[in-house]
Amino acid sequence: MERSKVVVHMYVSIDGKIDGSYGSANSSQYYSDELFCLSNADGNGRETIQMYAATGHPDLSQYDTTGIDYQDWLPDIKSETWAVAFDRKGKDGWDVNYFDYNNHRMHTIEVVTKQVQKAYWIEVNI
């Protein structure tokens, strides 16, 4: 069986924080450049994604969830780069299915669980 290669590449402070006023513009740029040398995808948790990409607040009341069953779904999108967002309860507020980062268009795969409202599941699959 062929397996994916996972590289854990993080830019953190000495106390393990991933956000704050540490580092420099040069080290931050190095991190961003190295990300795309190592891979064509990155993964982030809900809070990190909400800081720079999924800042919206979708109106879920417009969806009828009658007859909706949870199922695996991947977008039929061709992309050179991907952002995988881990959001088990469906709190990210996506306005579009991508964001621009370091001169790359990062199309998003939102990983959710059955803890997500069915209306959110519909919203991210449109």
N, C-alpha and C. Protein backbone atom coordinates (compact mmCIF):
# COMPACT_ATOMS: atom_id res chain seq x y z
N MET A 1 0.85 -1.18 0.00
CA MET A 1 0.00 0.00 0.00
C MET A 1 0.89 1.25 0.00
N GLU A 2 0.54 2.20 -0.83
CA GLU A 2 1.26 3.45 -0.88
C GLU A 2 0.70 4.41 0.16
N ARG A 3 1.57 5.05 0.93
CA ARG A 3 1.13 5.95 1.99
C ARG A 3 1.56 7.38 1.68
N SER A 4 0.81 8.29 2.20
CA SER A 4 1.15 9.69 2.07
C SER A 4 2.31 10.02 3.00
N LYS A 5 3.07 11.00 2.62
CA LYS A 5 4.16 11.47 3.46
C LYS A 5 3.67 12.70 4.21
N VAL A 6 3.81 12.70 5.51
CA VAL A 6 3.38 13.83 6.33
C VAL A 6 4.61 14.46 6.97
N VAL A 7 4.78 15.76 6.75
CA VAL A 7 5.87 16.51 7.35
C VAL A 7 5.25 17.51 8.30
N VAL A 8 5.66 17.48 9.54
CA VAL A 8 5.17 18.46 10.51
C VAL A 8 6.15 19.63 10.49
N HIS A 9 5.68 20.75 9.99
CA HIS A 9 6.51 21.95 9.80
C HIS A 9 5.77 23.10 10.47
N MET A 10 6.27 23.54 11.61
CA MET A 10 5.57 24.59 12.36
C MET A 10 6.51 25.74 12.69
N TYR A 11 5.94 26.91 12.73
CA TYR A 11 6.66 28.13 13.10
C TYR A 11 6.12 28.51 14.47
N VAL A 12 6.91 28.26 15.51
CA VAL A 12 6.41 28.48 16.87
C VAL A 12 7.42 29.27 17.69
N SER A 13 6.91 29.87 18.76
CA SER A 13 7.79 30.54 19.71
C SER A 13 8.43 29.49 20.61
N ILE A 14 9.36 29.89 21.43
CA ILE A 14 10.06 28.95 22.29
C ILE A 14 9.12 28.28 23.30
N ASP A 15 7.99 28.93 23.61
CA ASP A 15 7.02 28.33 24.54
C ASP A 15 5.89 27.60 23.80
N GLY A 16 6.05 27.37 22.49
CA GLY A 16 5.10 26.56 21.73
C GLY A 16 3.92 27.31 21.15
N LYS A 17 3.86 28.62 21.26
CA LYS A 17 2.75 29.39 20.70
C LYS A 17 2.92 29.50 19.18
N ILE A 18 1.82 29.44 18.45
CA ILE A 18 1.91 29.53 16.99
C ILE A 18 1.51 30.90 16.46
N ASP A 19 1.11 31.80 17.35
CA ASP A 19 0.72 33.14 16.93
C ASP A 19 1.23 34.13 17.95
N GLY A 20 1.75 35.24 17.48
CA GLY A 20 2.23 36.25 18.41
C GLY A 20 3.30 37.12 17.78
N SER A 21 3.86 37.99 18.58
CA SER A 21 4.85 38.94 18.07
C SER A 21 6.27 38.43 18.33
N TYR A 22 6.61 37.35 17.70
CA TYR A 22 7.96 36.80 17.79
C TYR A 22 8.46 36.54 16.39
N GLY A 23 9.73 36.29 16.24
CA GLY A 23 10.29 36.06 14.91
C GLY A 23 10.52 37.36 14.18
N SER A 24 10.80 37.24 12.90
CA SER A 24 11.07 38.41 12.07
C SER A 24 10.42 38.20 10.71
N ALA A 25 10.43 39.25 9.92
CA ALA A 25 9.87 39.13 8.57
C ALA A 25 10.65 38.09 7.77
N ASN A 26 11.97 38.02 7.97
CA ASN A 26 12.79 37.05 7.24
C ASN A 26 12.46 35.62 7.64
N SER A 27 12.31 35.37 8.94
CA SER A 27 12.01 34.00 9.38
C SER A 27 10.60 33.60 8.96
N SER A 28 9.67 34.54 8.99
CA SER A 28 8.31 34.26 8.56
C SER A 28 8.27 33.92 7.07
N GLN A 29 9.01 34.66 6.26
CA GLN A 29 9.06 34.39 4.83
C GLN A 29 9.72 33.04 4.55
N TYR A 30 10.77 32.72 5.31
CA TYR A 30 11.43 31.43 5.16
C TYR A 30 10.43 30.30 5.42
N TYR A 31 9.65 30.43 6.49
CA TYR A 31 8.64 29.42 6.81
C TYR A 31 7.67 29.24 5.64
N SER A 32 7.17 30.34 5.13
CA SER A 32 6.20 30.28 4.04
C SER A 32 6.80 29.67 2.77
N ASP A 33 8.02 30.05 2.44
CA ASP A 33 8.67 29.49 1.26
C ASP A 33 8.94 28.01 1.43
N GLU A 34 9.41 27.61 2.60
CA GLU A 34 9.76 26.22 2.86
C GLU A 34 8.52 25.32 2.80
N LEU A 35 7.38 25.83 3.21
CA LEU A 35 6.13 25.07 3.15
C LEU A 35 5.91 24.51 1.75
N PHE A 36 6.11 25.33 0.73
CA PHE A 36 5.83 24.90 -0.64
C PHE A 36 7.00 24.12 -1.26
N CYS A 37 8.16 24.14 -0.62
CA CYS A 37 9.25 23.25 -1.04
C CYS A 37 9.00 21.84 -0.53
N LEU A 38 8.37 21.72 0.63
CA LEU A 38 8.12 20.43 1.25
C LEU A 38 6.88 19.73 0.72
N SER A 39 5.87 20.51 0.32
CA SER A 39 4.58 19.90 0.00
C SER A 39 3.72 20.84 -0.83
N ASN A 40 2.59 20.33 -1.28
CA ASN A 40 1.62 21.17 -1.97
C ASN A 40 0.36 21.35 -1.12
N ALA A 41 0.44 20.98 0.16
CA ALA A 41 -0.73 21.09 1.04
C ALA A 41 -0.27 21.40 2.46
N ASP A 42 -1.16 22.03 3.20
CA ASP A 42 -0.90 22.22 4.62
C ASP A 42 -2.17 21.91 5.40
N GLY A 43 -2.02 21.69 6.68
CA GLY A 43 -3.16 21.40 7.53
C GLY A 43 -3.17 22.33 8.72
N ASN A 44 -4.35 22.81 9.07
CA ASN A 44 -4.50 23.72 10.20
C ASN A 44 -5.76 23.39 10.96
N GLY A 45 -5.76 23.72 12.23
CA GLY A 45 -6.95 23.59 13.04
C GLY A 45 -7.90 24.75 12.84
N ARG A 46 -9.07 24.63 13.43
CA ARG A 46 -10.13 25.62 13.25
C ARG A 46 -9.69 27.03 13.64
N GLU A 47 -9.08 27.18 14.78
CA GLU A 47 -8.74 28.53 15.24
C GLU A 47 -7.72 29.20 14.34
N THR A 48 -6.74 28.45 13.87
CA THR A 48 -5.74 29.02 12.96
C THR A 48 -6.39 29.43 11.65
N ILE A 49 -7.22 28.59 11.08
CA ILE A 49 -7.90 28.91 9.82
C ILE A 49 -8.78 30.16 9.99
N GLN A 50 -9.45 30.28 11.12
CA GLN A 50 -10.32 31.45 11.33
C GLN A 50 -9.51 32.74 11.44
N MET A 51 -8.24 32.65 11.80
CA MET A 51 -7.42 33.86 11.91
C MET A 51 -7.14 34.48 10.55
N TYR A 52 -6.99 33.63 9.51
CA TYR A 52 -6.57 34.22 8.25
C TYR A 52 -7.37 33.81 7.02
N ALA A 53 -8.36 32.96 7.16
CA ALA A 53 -9.06 32.53 5.94
C ALA A 53 -10.57 32.45 6.10
N ALA A 54 -11.07 31.74 7.08
CA ALA A 54 -12.50 31.47 7.20
C ALA A 54 -13.12 32.40 8.24
N THR A 55 -13.18 33.66 7.91
CA THR A 55 -13.63 34.68 8.87
C THR A 55 -15.10 35.04 8.75
N GLY A 56 -15.81 34.43 7.81
CA GLY A 56 -17.22 34.77 7.58
C GLY A 56 -18.17 34.12 8.58
N HIS A 57 -19.43 34.41 8.41
CA HIS A 57 -20.49 33.84 9.25
C HIS A 57 -21.65 33.43 8.34
N PRO A 58 -21.60 32.22 7.77
CA PRO A 58 -22.64 31.82 6.82
C PRO A 58 -24.01 31.68 7.49
N ASP A 59 -25.04 32.03 6.73
CA ASP A 59 -26.42 31.88 7.21
C ASP A 59 -26.88 30.47 6.90
N LEU A 60 -26.93 29.62 7.93
CA LEU A 60 -27.29 28.22 7.73
C LEU A 60 -28.80 27.99 7.75
N SER A 61 -29.57 29.02 8.13
CA SER A 61 -31.02 28.85 8.25
C SER A 61 -31.70 28.65 6.89
N GLN A 62 -31.02 28.95 5.81
CA GLN A 62 -31.61 28.85 4.48
C GLN A 62 -31.67 27.42 3.94
N TYR A 63 -31.05 26.45 4.64
CA TYR A 63 -30.95 25.10 4.12
C TYR A 63 -31.96 24.16 4.78
N ASP A 64 -32.60 23.36 3.93
CA ASP A 64 -33.49 22.30 4.41
C ASP A 64 -32.66 21.04 4.54
N THR A 65 -32.56 20.49 5.74
CA THR A 65 -31.70 19.33 5.96
C THR A 65 -32.47 18.01 5.90
N THR A 66 -33.72 18.07 5.52
CA THR A 66 -34.52 16.85 5.41
C THR A 66 -33.87 15.89 4.40
N GLY A 67 -33.67 14.66 4.81
CA GLY A 67 -33.13 13.64 3.93
C GLY A 67 -31.63 13.71 3.71
N ILE A 68 -30.95 14.58 4.43
CA ILE A 68 -29.50 14.71 4.28
C ILE A 68 -28.81 13.68 5.17
N ASP A 69 -27.95 12.88 4.58
CA ASP A 69 -27.13 11.93 5.33
C ASP A 69 -25.68 12.37 5.24
N TYR A 70 -24.98 12.20 6.34
CA TYR A 70 -23.55 12.51 6.33
C TYR A 70 -22.84 11.49 5.45
N GLN A 71 -21.91 11.97 4.63
CA GLN A 71 -21.11 11.07 3.79
C GLN A 71 -19.81 11.77 3.44
N ASP A 72 -18.81 10.97 3.09
CA ASP A 72 -17.54 11.55 2.65
C ASP A 72 -17.76 12.25 1.32
N TRP A 73 -17.09 13.37 1.16
CA TRP A 73 -17.21 14.14 -0.07
C TRP A 73 -15.92 14.93 -0.27
N LEU A 74 -15.38 14.88 -1.47
CA LEU A 74 -14.22 15.68 -1.83
C LEU A 74 -14.60 16.55 -3.01
N PRO A 75 -14.10 17.78 -3.05
CA PRO A 75 -14.44 18.68 -4.15
C PRO A 75 -13.85 18.19 -5.47
N ASP A 76 -14.58 18.41 -6.54
CA ASP A 76 -14.10 18.07 -7.88
C ASP A 76 -13.40 19.29 -8.45
N ILE A 77 -12.28 19.63 -7.83
CA ILE A 77 -11.52 20.83 -8.18
C ILE A 77 -10.09 20.41 -8.44
N LYS A 78 -9.52 20.89 -9.51
CA LYS A 78 -8.10 20.67 -9.78
C LYS A 78 -7.34 21.84 -9.17
N SER A 79 -6.35 21.55 -8.35
CA SER A 79 -5.58 22.61 -7.71
C SER A 79 -4.15 22.14 -7.50
N GLU A 80 -3.22 23.07 -7.59
CA GLU A 80 -1.83 22.75 -7.33
C GLU A 80 -1.51 22.78 -5.84
N THR A 81 -2.31 23.52 -5.07
CA THR A 81 -2.07 23.62 -3.63
C THR A 81 -3.38 23.48 -2.86
N TRP A 82 -3.28 22.89 -1.66
CA TRP A 82 -4.46 22.62 -0.84
C TRP A 82 -4.23 23.05 0.60
N ALA A 83 -5.29 23.49 1.23
CA ALA A 83 -5.29 23.76 2.67
C ALA A 83 -6.33 22.81 3.29
N VAL A 84 -5.89 21.99 4.20
CA VAL A 84 -6.79 21.06 4.88
C VAL A 84 -7.13 21.68 6.23
N ALA A 85 -8.41 21.95 6.45
CA ALA A 85 -8.87 22.59 7.69
C ALA A 85 -9.59 21.55 8.55
N PHE A 86 -9.11 21.37 9.76
CA PHE A 86 -9.72 20.42 10.69
C PHE A 86 -10.66 21.18 11.61
N ASP A 87 -11.96 20.98 11.41
CA ASP A 87 -12.99 21.75 12.11
C ASP A 87 -14.11 20.80 12.51
N ARG A 88 -13.91 20.07 13.59
CA ARG A 88 -14.82 18.97 13.92
C ARG A 88 -16.25 19.39 14.20
N LYS A 89 -16.49 20.64 14.61
CA LYS A 89 -17.86 21.06 14.92
C LYS A 89 -18.45 22.04 13.91
N GLY A 90 -17.71 22.38 12.88
CA GLY A 90 -18.25 23.25 11.83
C GLY A 90 -18.39 24.70 12.24
N LYS A 91 -17.32 25.29 12.73
CA LYS A 91 -17.37 26.69 13.15
C LYS A 91 -16.67 27.64 12.19
N ASP A 92 -15.91 27.09 11.21
CA ASP A 92 -15.25 27.97 10.24
C ASP A 92 -16.30 28.63 9.36
N GLY A 93 -16.09 29.88 9.07
CA GLY A 93 -17.04 30.63 8.24
C GLY A 93 -16.45 30.94 6.88
N TRP A 94 -16.55 29.98 5.97
CA TRP A 94 -15.99 30.16 4.63
C TRP A 94 -16.91 30.99 3.76
N ASP A 95 -16.36 31.99 3.08
CA ASP A 95 -17.10 32.75 2.08
C ASP A 95 -16.82 32.19 0.69
N VAL A 96 -15.62 31.66 0.49
CA VAL A 96 -15.19 31.02 -0.75
C VAL A 96 -14.40 29.76 -0.38
N ASN A 97 -14.14 28.90 -1.34
CA ASN A 97 -13.47 27.62 -1.06
C ASN A 97 -11.96 27.67 -1.26
N TYR A 98 -11.38 28.83 -1.12
CA TYR A 98 -9.94 28.99 -1.26
C TYR A 98 -9.50 30.26 -0.53
N PHE A 99 -8.19 30.41 -0.38
CA PHE A 99 -7.61 31.67 0.04
C PHE A 99 -6.22 31.78 -0.56
N ASP A 100 -5.75 32.99 -0.70
CA ASP A 100 -4.43 33.21 -1.28
C ASP A 100 -3.40 33.31 -0.17
N TYR A 101 -2.29 32.57 -0.32
CA TYR A 101 -1.23 32.56 0.67
C TYR A 101 0.11 32.45 -0.04
N ASN A 102 0.98 33.40 0.19
CA ASN A 102 2.35 33.38 -0.33
C ASN A 102 2.37 33.12 -1.85
N ASN A 103 1.54 33.84 -2.57
CA ASN A 103 1.43 33.74 -4.03
C ASN A 103 0.91 32.38 -4.51
N HIS A 104 0.15 31.70 -3.68
CA HIS A 104 -0.48 30.43 -4.05
C HIS A 104 -1.97 30.51 -3.73
N ARG A 105 -2.78 29.94 -4.60
CA ARG A 105 -4.21 29.82 -4.32
C ARG A 105 -4.43 28.48 -3.63
N MET A 106 -4.76 28.53 -2.34
CA MET A 106 -4.94 27.34 -1.53
C MET A 106 -6.42 26.96 -1.53
N HIS A 107 -6.78 25.93 -2.29
CA HIS A 107 -8.16 25.42 -2.25
C HIS A 107 -8.32 24.61 -0.97
N THR A 108 -9.51 24.65 -0.42
CA THR A 108 -9.72 24.11 0.92
C THR A 108 -10.47 22.80 0.93
N ILE A 109 -10.00 21.90 1.78
CA ILE A 109 -10.74 20.70 2.13
C ILE A 109 -11.07 20.85 3.62
N GLU A 110 -12.33 20.90 3.94
CA GLU A 110 -12.79 21.08 5.33
C GLU A 110 -13.09 19.70 5.90
N VAL A 111 -12.34 19.29 6.92
CA VAL A 111 -12.54 18.00 7.57
C VAL A 111 -13.44 18.23 8.78
N VAL A 112 -14.63 17.62 8.75
CA VAL A 112 -15.60 17.80 9.83
C VAL A 112 -16.02 16.42 10.36
N THR A 113 -16.77 16.43 11.44
CA THR A 113 -17.29 15.19 12.02
C THR A 113 -18.81 15.25 12.03
N LYS A 114 -19.43 14.22 12.53
CA LYS A 114 -20.90 14.20 12.64
C LYS A 114 -21.41 15.14 13.73
N GLN A 115 -20.51 15.81 14.43
CA GLN A 115 -20.92 16.83 15.40
C GLN A 115 -21.37 18.11 14.71
N VAL A 116 -21.11 18.22 13.41
CA VAL A 116 -21.47 19.39 12.63
C VAL A 116 -22.96 19.37 12.31
N GLN A 117 -23.59 20.55 12.38
CA GLN A 117 -24.99 20.65 11.96
C GLN A 117 -25.09 20.24 10.49
N LYS A 118 -26.14 19.57 10.11
CA LYS A 118 -26.30 19.15 8.72
C LYS A 118 -26.33 20.36 7.78
N ALA A 119 -26.85 21.47 8.22
CA ALA A 119 -26.88 22.67 7.38
C ALA A 119 -25.46 23.14 7.06
N TYR A 120 -24.54 23.02 7.99
CA TYR A 120 -23.14 23.38 7.74
C TYR A 120 -22.55 22.43 6.71
N TRP A 121 -22.85 21.16 6.82
CA TRP A 121 -22.37 20.16 5.88
C TRP A 121 -22.82 20.51 4.46
N ILE A 122 -24.07 20.97 4.33
CA ILE A 122 -24.57 21.39 3.01
C ILE A 122 -23.78 22.60 2.52
N GLU A 123 -23.58 23.60 3.41
CA GLU A 123 -22.90 24.83 3.06
C GLU A 123 -21.49 24.57 2.51
N VAL A 124 -20.71 23.70 3.16
CA VAL A 124 -19.34 23.48 2.69
C VAL A 124 -19.28 22.57 1.48
N ASN A 125 -20.36 21.95 1.09
CA ASN A 125 -20.38 21.09 -0.08
C ASN A 125 -20.95 21.76 -1.32
N ILE A 126 -21.26 23.02 -1.23
CA ILE A 126 -21.83 23.74 -2.38
C ILE A 126 -20.71 24.26 -3.25
